[in-house]
Amino acid sequence: MIAYVTVGADDIARAKRFYGAFLPALGYGLEEGPEGLSYVLPVAAGQSVVQPDFYVKPTFDGRPASAGNGAMVAFEARSQDQVRALHAAALDAGGSDEGQPGFRASYGPQFYVCYLRDPQGNKIALFSSNPNEPGRDG
């Protein structure tokens, strides 16, 4: 199981605006400190920690942050409508479009996805595979 994912950011305020536009809608809470942003899912009393956490941090070596070529982080939304709404919110919050919301022929018929770049250039996917919604072929 993946415990956490970290992306680097040179401008934490810009990153906070971008990720704050959609991660709270997916249930993530923000813990902010001098070391950057920590987005975590809530844990009810008596439950195990829900993973993975998502961190946005300055680089440890002090050099500029860079996006990994081929690296992407995907977040699951509840519905196709939520994918569209969060895509729009992320663009309004400083992200750039890397692929409009929709179905892709190379994925399963229920996989509805959009792609974004955060202000640092990290690639982000928002997707829904809700079996109760119309699929690509229906």
N, C-alpha and C. Protein backbone atom coordinates (compact mmCIF):
# COMPACT_ATOMS: atom_id res chain seq x y z
N MET A 1 0.84 -1.18 0.00
CA MET A 1 0.00 0.00 0.00
C MET A 1 0.89 1.24 0.00
N ILE A 2 0.51 2.21 -0.78
CA ILE A 2 1.26 3.47 -0.80
C ILE A 2 0.87 4.28 0.43
N ALA A 3 1.85 4.73 1.19
CA ALA A 3 1.60 5.48 2.42
C ALA A 3 1.44 6.97 2.17
N TYR A 4 2.26 7.52 1.25
CA TYR A 4 2.16 8.94 0.93
C TYR A 4 2.82 9.22 -0.41
N VAL A 5 2.43 10.35 -0.98
CA VAL A 5 3.01 10.85 -2.22
C VAL A 5 3.43 12.29 -1.95
N THR A 6 4.61 12.66 -2.41
CA THR A 6 5.11 14.03 -2.24
C THR A 6 5.45 14.63 -3.59
N VAL A 7 5.04 15.87 -3.80
CA VAL A 7 5.49 16.64 -4.97
C VAL A 7 6.19 17.89 -4.46
N GLY A 8 7.16 18.34 -5.21
CA GLY A 8 7.89 19.54 -4.83
C GLY A 8 7.20 20.79 -5.35
N ALA A 9 7.41 21.88 -4.63
CA ALA A 9 6.86 23.17 -5.05
C ALA A 9 7.80 24.28 -4.58
N ASP A 10 8.05 25.22 -5.47
CA ASP A 10 8.85 26.39 -5.11
C ASP A 10 8.00 27.49 -4.49
N ASP A 11 6.72 27.55 -4.86
CA ASP A 11 5.81 28.57 -4.36
C ASP A 11 4.66 27.86 -3.64
N ILE A 12 4.79 27.72 -2.34
CA ILE A 12 3.81 26.99 -1.54
C ILE A 12 2.45 27.68 -1.57
N ALA A 13 2.40 29.00 -1.60
CA ALA A 13 1.11 29.70 -1.65
C ALA A 13 0.35 29.38 -2.94
N ARG A 14 1.05 29.36 -4.06
CA ARG A 14 0.40 28.99 -5.34
C ARG A 14 -0.06 27.55 -5.31
N ALA A 15 0.75 26.67 -4.76
CA ALA A 15 0.38 25.26 -4.65
C ALA A 15 -0.85 25.10 -3.76
N LYS A 16 -0.89 25.83 -2.66
CA LYS A 16 -2.02 25.75 -1.74
C LYS A 16 -3.31 26.19 -2.44
N ARG A 17 -3.24 27.23 -3.24
CA ARG A 17 -4.42 27.70 -3.99
C ARG A 17 -4.89 26.62 -4.96
N PHE A 18 -3.97 26.01 -5.69
CA PHE A 18 -4.30 24.99 -6.67
C PHE A 18 -4.90 23.76 -5.99
N TYR A 19 -4.19 23.16 -5.06
CA TYR A 19 -4.66 21.93 -4.43
C TYR A 19 -5.87 22.16 -3.54
N GLY A 20 -5.98 23.37 -2.97
CA GLY A 20 -7.15 23.72 -2.17
C GLY A 20 -8.41 23.84 -2.99
N ALA A 21 -8.27 23.93 -4.31
CA ALA A 21 -9.44 24.03 -5.18
C ALA A 21 -10.16 22.70 -5.38
N PHE A 22 -9.48 21.57 -5.10
CA PHE A 22 -10.16 20.29 -5.32
C PHE A 22 -9.94 19.24 -4.24
N LEU A 23 -8.83 19.25 -3.53
CA LEU A 23 -8.61 18.18 -2.55
C LEU A 23 -9.63 18.19 -1.39
N PRO A 24 -10.05 19.35 -0.85
CA PRO A 24 -11.07 19.31 0.19
C PRO A 24 -12.38 18.66 -0.29
N ALA A 25 -12.73 18.85 -1.57
CA ALA A 25 -13.95 18.24 -2.10
C ALA A 25 -13.84 16.72 -2.18
N LEU A 26 -12.61 16.20 -2.17
CA LEU A 26 -12.38 14.76 -2.18
C LEU A 26 -12.17 14.21 -0.78
N GLY A 27 -12.38 15.06 0.24
CA GLY A 27 -12.30 14.63 1.62
C GLY A 27 -11.00 14.90 2.33
N TYR A 28 -10.01 15.47 1.64
CA TYR A 28 -8.71 15.72 2.26
C TYR A 28 -8.76 16.97 3.14
N GLY A 29 -8.17 16.86 4.32
CA GLY A 29 -7.98 18.01 5.19
C GLY A 29 -6.55 18.51 5.03
N LEU A 30 -6.34 19.77 5.32
CA LEU A 30 -5.02 20.39 5.18
C LEU A 30 -4.39 20.61 6.54
N GLU A 31 -3.15 20.14 6.65
CA GLU A 31 -2.30 20.47 7.79
C GLU A 31 -1.13 21.25 7.21
N GLU A 32 -0.99 22.50 7.63
CA GLU A 32 0.04 23.37 7.06
C GLU A 32 1.09 23.68 8.11
N GLY A 33 2.33 23.63 7.70
CA GLY A 33 3.42 23.94 8.61
C GLY A 33 4.58 24.54 7.86
N PRO A 34 5.66 24.84 8.57
CA PRO A 34 6.81 25.45 7.92
C PRO A 34 7.45 24.54 6.87
N GLU A 35 7.18 23.24 6.95
CA GLU A 35 7.76 22.30 5.99
C GLU A 35 6.87 22.12 4.76
N GLY A 36 5.73 22.79 4.68
CA GLY A 36 4.87 22.71 3.50
C GLY A 36 3.46 22.29 3.84
N LEU A 37 2.80 21.67 2.87
CA LEU A 37 1.40 21.31 2.98
C LEU A 37 1.26 19.80 3.11
N SER A 38 0.40 19.37 4.01
CA SER A 38 0.09 17.95 4.17
C SER A 38 -1.41 17.79 4.04
N TYR A 39 -1.83 17.08 3.00
CA TYR A 39 -3.25 16.79 2.80
C TYR A 39 -3.49 15.36 3.25
N VAL A 40 -4.41 15.19 4.20
CA VAL A 40 -4.67 13.88 4.77
C VAL A 40 -6.18 13.62 4.80
N LEU A 41 -6.53 12.36 4.70
CA LEU A 41 -7.93 11.96 4.81
C LEU A 41 -8.27 11.80 6.28
N PRO A 42 -9.50 12.14 6.66
CA PRO A 42 -9.88 12.05 8.07
C PRO A 42 -9.93 10.61 8.56
N VAL A 43 -9.66 10.45 9.84
CA VAL A 43 -9.70 9.13 10.46
C VAL A 43 -10.73 9.20 11.60
N ALA A 44 -11.74 8.36 11.49
CA ALA A 44 -12.75 8.30 12.55
C ALA A 44 -12.17 7.55 13.74
N ALA A 45 -12.70 7.85 14.90
CA ALA A 45 -12.24 7.18 16.13
C ALA A 45 -12.34 5.67 15.97
N GLY A 46 -11.27 4.98 16.30
CA GLY A 46 -11.23 3.54 16.24
C GLY A 46 -10.91 2.96 14.86
N GLN A 47 -10.73 3.83 13.86
CA GLN A 47 -10.39 3.36 12.52
C GLN A 47 -8.90 3.48 12.26
N SER A 48 -8.43 2.69 11.32
CA SER A 48 -7.04 2.79 10.89
C SER A 48 -6.86 4.02 10.02
N VAL A 49 -5.64 4.48 9.91
CA VAL A 49 -5.32 5.62 9.06
C VAL A 49 -5.67 5.30 7.62
N VAL A 50 -6.29 6.26 6.92
CA VAL A 50 -6.63 6.11 5.51
C VAL A 50 -5.47 6.66 4.71
N GLN A 51 -4.93 5.86 3.80
CA GLN A 51 -3.77 6.30 3.02
C GLN A 51 -4.12 6.33 1.55
N PRO A 52 -3.40 7.03 0.73
CA PRO A 52 -2.17 7.74 1.05
C PRO A 52 -2.41 9.21 1.39
N ASP A 53 -1.47 9.75 2.15
CA ASP A 53 -1.41 11.20 2.36
C ASP A 53 -0.77 11.82 1.13
N PHE A 54 -1.00 13.11 0.95
CA PHE A 54 -0.43 13.82 -0.19
C PHE A 54 0.27 15.07 0.34
N TYR A 55 1.57 15.16 0.08
CA TYR A 55 2.37 16.28 0.59
C TYR A 55 2.87 17.16 -0.54
N VAL A 56 2.88 18.46 -0.28
CA VAL A 56 3.45 19.44 -1.20
C VAL A 56 4.51 20.18 -0.39
N LYS A 57 5.76 20.00 -0.78
CA LYS A 57 6.87 20.48 0.05
C LYS A 57 7.93 21.19 -0.78
N PRO A 58 8.65 22.11 -0.16
CA PRO A 58 9.86 22.62 -0.82
C PRO A 58 10.85 21.47 -0.95
N THR A 59 11.77 21.58 -1.86
CA THR A 59 12.76 20.51 -2.03
C THR A 59 13.69 20.45 -0.82
N PHE A 60 14.17 19.26 -0.51
CA PHE A 60 15.06 19.09 0.63
C PHE A 60 16.46 19.62 0.34
N ASP A 61 16.88 19.58 -0.92
CA ASP A 61 18.23 20.03 -1.24
C ASP A 61 18.31 21.52 -1.57
N GLY A 62 17.17 22.22 -1.55
CA GLY A 62 17.17 23.66 -1.78
C GLY A 62 17.23 24.05 -3.25
N ARG A 63 17.37 23.09 -4.14
CA ARG A 63 17.37 23.40 -5.57
C ARG A 63 15.93 23.51 -6.06
N PRO A 64 15.71 24.10 -7.23
CA PRO A 64 14.34 24.28 -7.72
C PRO A 64 13.61 22.94 -7.87
N ALA A 65 12.32 22.96 -7.56
CA ALA A 65 11.49 21.78 -7.75
C ALA A 65 11.26 21.58 -9.24
N SER A 66 11.09 20.33 -9.64
CA SER A 66 10.78 20.03 -11.04
C SER A 66 9.80 18.87 -11.08
N ALA A 67 9.00 18.85 -12.13
CA ALA A 67 8.04 17.77 -12.31
C ALA A 67 8.75 16.57 -12.91
N GLY A 68 8.39 15.39 -12.47
CA GLY A 68 8.98 14.17 -13.00
C GLY A 68 8.41 13.85 -14.37
N ASN A 69 9.26 13.53 -15.31
CA ASN A 69 8.81 13.16 -16.64
C ASN A 69 8.20 11.76 -16.56
N GLY A 70 6.92 11.65 -16.84
CA GLY A 70 6.21 10.39 -16.74
C GLY A 70 5.55 10.16 -15.40
N ALA A 71 5.81 11.01 -14.43
CA ALA A 71 5.18 10.88 -13.11
C ALA A 71 3.81 11.56 -13.11
N MET A 72 2.85 10.95 -12.43
CA MET A 72 1.51 11.52 -12.33
C MET A 72 0.88 11.01 -11.04
N VAL A 73 0.07 11.85 -10.42
CA VAL A 73 -0.70 11.46 -9.24
C VAL A 73 -2.17 11.54 -9.63
N ALA A 74 -2.93 10.49 -9.34
CA ALA A 74 -4.35 10.43 -9.68
C ALA A 74 -5.19 10.42 -8.41
N PHE A 75 -6.26 11.21 -8.43
CA PHE A 75 -7.21 11.28 -7.32
C PHE A 75 -8.57 10.83 -7.82
N GLU A 76 -9.24 9.97 -7.05
CA GLU A 76 -10.55 9.46 -7.44
C GLU A 76 -11.67 10.38 -6.95
N ALA A 77 -12.52 10.77 -7.88
CA ALA A 77 -13.71 11.57 -7.58
C ALA A 77 -14.92 10.64 -7.48
N ARG A 78 -16.03 11.18 -6.98
CA ARG A 78 -17.24 10.37 -6.80
C ARG A 78 -18.04 10.20 -8.09
N SER A 79 -17.93 11.17 -9.01
CA SER A 79 -18.80 11.15 -10.19
C SER A 79 -18.15 11.90 -11.34
N GLN A 80 -18.72 11.72 -12.51
CA GLN A 80 -18.27 12.46 -13.69
C GLN A 80 -18.50 13.96 -13.50
N ASP A 81 -19.64 14.32 -12.90
CA ASP A 81 -19.90 15.74 -12.62
C ASP A 81 -18.83 16.33 -11.72
N GLN A 82 -18.40 15.56 -10.72
CA GLN A 82 -17.37 16.07 -9.81
C GLN A 82 -16.05 16.22 -10.55
N VAL A 83 -15.71 15.31 -11.44
CA VAL A 83 -14.49 15.44 -12.23
C VAL A 83 -14.53 16.76 -13.01
N ARG A 84 -15.65 17.04 -13.67
CA ARG A 84 -15.77 18.28 -14.46
C ARG A 84 -15.66 19.51 -13.57
N ALA A 85 -16.35 19.48 -12.43
CA ALA A 85 -16.34 20.64 -11.53
C ALA A 85 -14.96 20.88 -10.94
N LEU A 86 -14.28 19.81 -10.54
CA LEU A 86 -12.96 19.98 -9.93
C LEU A 86 -11.90 20.36 -10.97
N HIS A 87 -12.05 19.90 -12.19
CA HIS A 87 -11.16 20.32 -13.29
C HIS A 87 -11.27 21.83 -13.48
N ALA A 88 -12.50 22.33 -13.54
CA ALA A 88 -12.72 23.77 -13.71
C ALA A 88 -12.16 24.55 -12.52
N ALA A 89 -12.39 24.06 -11.30
CA ALA A 89 -11.89 24.74 -10.10
C ALA A 89 -10.37 24.77 -10.09
N ALA A 90 -9.74 23.69 -10.49
CA ALA A 90 -8.27 23.63 -10.51
C ALA A 90 -7.70 24.57 -11.55
N LEU A 91 -8.35 24.70 -12.69
CA LEU A 91 -7.90 25.66 -13.71
C LEU A 91 -8.03 27.08 -13.19
N ASP A 92 -9.15 27.38 -12.54
CA ASP A 92 -9.35 28.72 -11.97
C ASP A 92 -8.34 29.03 -10.88
N ALA A 93 -7.79 27.99 -10.25
CA ALA A 93 -6.85 28.16 -9.15
C ALA A 93 -5.39 28.12 -9.61
N GLY A 94 -5.16 28.27 -10.91
CA GLY A 94 -3.79 28.39 -11.40
C GLY A 94 -3.23 27.17 -12.08
N GLY A 95 -4.01 26.13 -12.23
CA GLY A 95 -3.54 24.95 -12.95
C GLY A 95 -3.66 25.14 -14.45
N SER A 96 -3.09 24.22 -15.21
CA SER A 96 -3.23 24.26 -16.67
C SER A 96 -3.79 22.93 -17.14
N ASP A 97 -4.55 23.00 -18.23
CA ASP A 97 -5.21 21.82 -18.77
C ASP A 97 -4.22 20.93 -19.48
N GLU A 98 -4.33 19.64 -19.21
CA GLU A 98 -3.47 18.65 -19.86
C GLU A 98 -4.34 17.59 -20.52
N GLY A 99 -5.67 17.79 -20.47
CA GLY A 99 -6.61 16.85 -21.08
C GLY A 99 -7.99 17.06 -20.48
N GLN A 100 -8.91 17.53 -21.29
CA GLN A 100 -10.28 17.82 -20.84
C GLN A 100 -10.96 16.58 -20.27
N PRO A 101 -11.94 16.77 -19.37
CA PRO A 101 -12.69 15.64 -18.84
C PRO A 101 -13.38 14.85 -19.95
N GLY A 102 -13.31 13.53 -19.84
CA GLY A 102 -13.99 12.67 -20.79
C GLY A 102 -13.48 11.25 -20.70
N PHE A 103 -14.05 10.43 -21.56
CA PHE A 103 -13.62 9.03 -21.66
C PHE A 103 -12.43 8.95 -22.60
N ARG A 104 -11.58 7.97 -22.39
CA ARG A 104 -10.43 7.73 -23.26
C ARG A 104 -10.55 6.31 -23.81
N ALA A 105 -10.34 6.17 -25.10
CA ALA A 105 -10.49 4.87 -25.75
C ALA A 105 -9.56 3.81 -25.17
N SER A 106 -8.43 4.23 -24.66
CA SER A 106 -7.43 3.27 -24.17
C SER A 106 -7.72 2.75 -22.76
N TYR A 107 -8.76 3.26 -22.10
CA TYR A 107 -9.11 2.82 -20.76
C TYR A 107 -10.47 2.15 -20.78
N GLY A 108 -10.87 1.55 -19.67
CA GLY A 108 -12.16 0.88 -19.58
C GLY A 108 -13.33 1.81 -19.83
N PRO A 109 -14.49 1.25 -20.13
CA PRO A 109 -15.65 2.06 -20.53
C PRO A 109 -16.23 2.93 -19.43
N GLN A 110 -15.88 2.71 -18.17
CA GLN A 110 -16.38 3.53 -17.07
C GLN A 110 -15.36 4.58 -16.61
N PHE A 111 -14.17 4.55 -17.15
CA PHE A 111 -13.08 5.42 -16.66
C PHE A 111 -13.20 6.80 -17.30
N TYR A 112 -13.69 7.77 -16.50
CA TYR A 112 -13.90 9.15 -16.92
C TYR A 112 -12.82 9.98 -16.24
N VAL A 113 -12.01 10.71 -17.00
CA VAL A 113 -10.79 11.30 -16.45
C VAL A 113 -10.49 12.66 -17.06
N CYS A 114 -9.77 13.48 -16.32
CA CYS A 114 -9.18 14.71 -16.85
C CYS A 114 -7.75 14.79 -16.33
N TYR A 115 -6.94 15.60 -17.01
CA TYR A 115 -5.54 15.75 -16.64
C TYR A 115 -5.22 17.23 -16.50
N LEU A 116 -4.39 17.54 -15.51
CA LEU A 116 -4.00 18.91 -15.19
C LEU A 116 -2.50 18.95 -14.90
N ARG A 117 -1.97 20.15 -14.92
CA ARG A 117 -0.63 20.42 -14.37
C ARG A 117 -0.82 21.43 -13.25
N ASP A 118 -0.16 21.18 -12.13
CA ASP A 118 -0.19 22.16 -11.05
C ASP A 118 0.75 23.31 -11.42
N PRO A 119 0.78 24.39 -10.63
CA PRO A 119 1.63 25.52 -10.99
C PRO A 119 3.12 25.19 -11.12
N GLN A 120 3.56 24.10 -10.52
CA GLN A 120 4.97 23.70 -10.61
C GLN A 120 5.21 22.80 -11.82
N GLY A 121 4.15 22.30 -12.44
CA GLY A 121 4.27 21.43 -13.60
C GLY A 121 4.01 19.96 -13.31
N ASN A 122 3.68 19.61 -12.07
CA ASN A 122 3.37 18.23 -11.73
C ASN A 122 2.06 17.82 -12.39
N LYS A 123 2.01 16.61 -12.96
CA LYS A 123 0.81 16.14 -13.64
C LYS A 123 -0.13 15.47 -12.64
N ILE A 124 -1.41 15.87 -12.73
CA ILE A 124 -2.45 15.41 -11.83
C ILE A 124 -3.62 14.88 -12.66
N ALA A 125 -4.16 13.75 -12.26
CA ALA A 125 -5.37 13.21 -12.88
C ALA A 125 -6.49 13.21 -11.86
N LEU A 126 -7.69 13.51 -12.31
CA LEU A 126 -8.91 13.36 -11.52
C LEU A 126 -9.79 12.41 -12.30
N PHE A 127 -10.27 11.34 -11.66
CA PHE A 127 -11.05 10.36 -12.42
C PHE A 127 -12.23 9.83 -11.60
N SER A 128 -13.19 9.28 -12.32
CA SER A 128 -14.30 8.56 -11.72
C SER A 128 -14.52 7.28 -12.52
N SER A 129 -14.78 6.21 -11.81
CA SER A 129 -15.14 4.93 -12.43
C SER A 129 -16.46 4.45 -11.86
N ASN A 130 -17.35 5.38 -11.61
CA ASN A 130 -18.62 5.08 -10.96
C ASN A 130 -19.48 4.17 -11.85
N PRO A 131 -19.74 2.95 -11.42
CA PRO A 131 -20.50 2.01 -12.25
C PRO A 131 -21.98 2.39 -12.39
N ASN A 132 -22.45 3.35 -11.60
CA ASN A 132 -23.85 3.77 -11.67
C ASN A 132 -24.08 4.91 -12.66
N GLU A 133 -23.02 5.32 -13.36
CA GLU A 133 -23.14 6.38 -14.36
C GLU A 133 -22.97 5.80 -15.76
N PRO A 134 -23.48 6.51 -16.77
CA PRO A 134 -23.30 6.03 -18.13
C PRO A 134 -21.82 5.90 -18.48
N GLY A 135 -21.49 4.85 -19.21
CA GLY A 135 -20.11 4.64 -19.64
C GLY A 135 -19.87 5.18 -21.04
N ARG A 136 -18.68 4.98 -21.49
CA ARG A 136 -18.25 5.46 -22.80
C ARG A 136 -19.14 4.92 -23.92
N ASP A 137 -19.60 3.71 -23.79
CA ASP A 137 -20.35 3.06 -24.85
C ASP A 137 -21.86 3.16 -24.67
N GLY A 138 -22.28 3.91 -23.65
CA GLY A 138 -23.73 3.90 -23.38
C GLY A 138 -24.36 5.19 -23.19
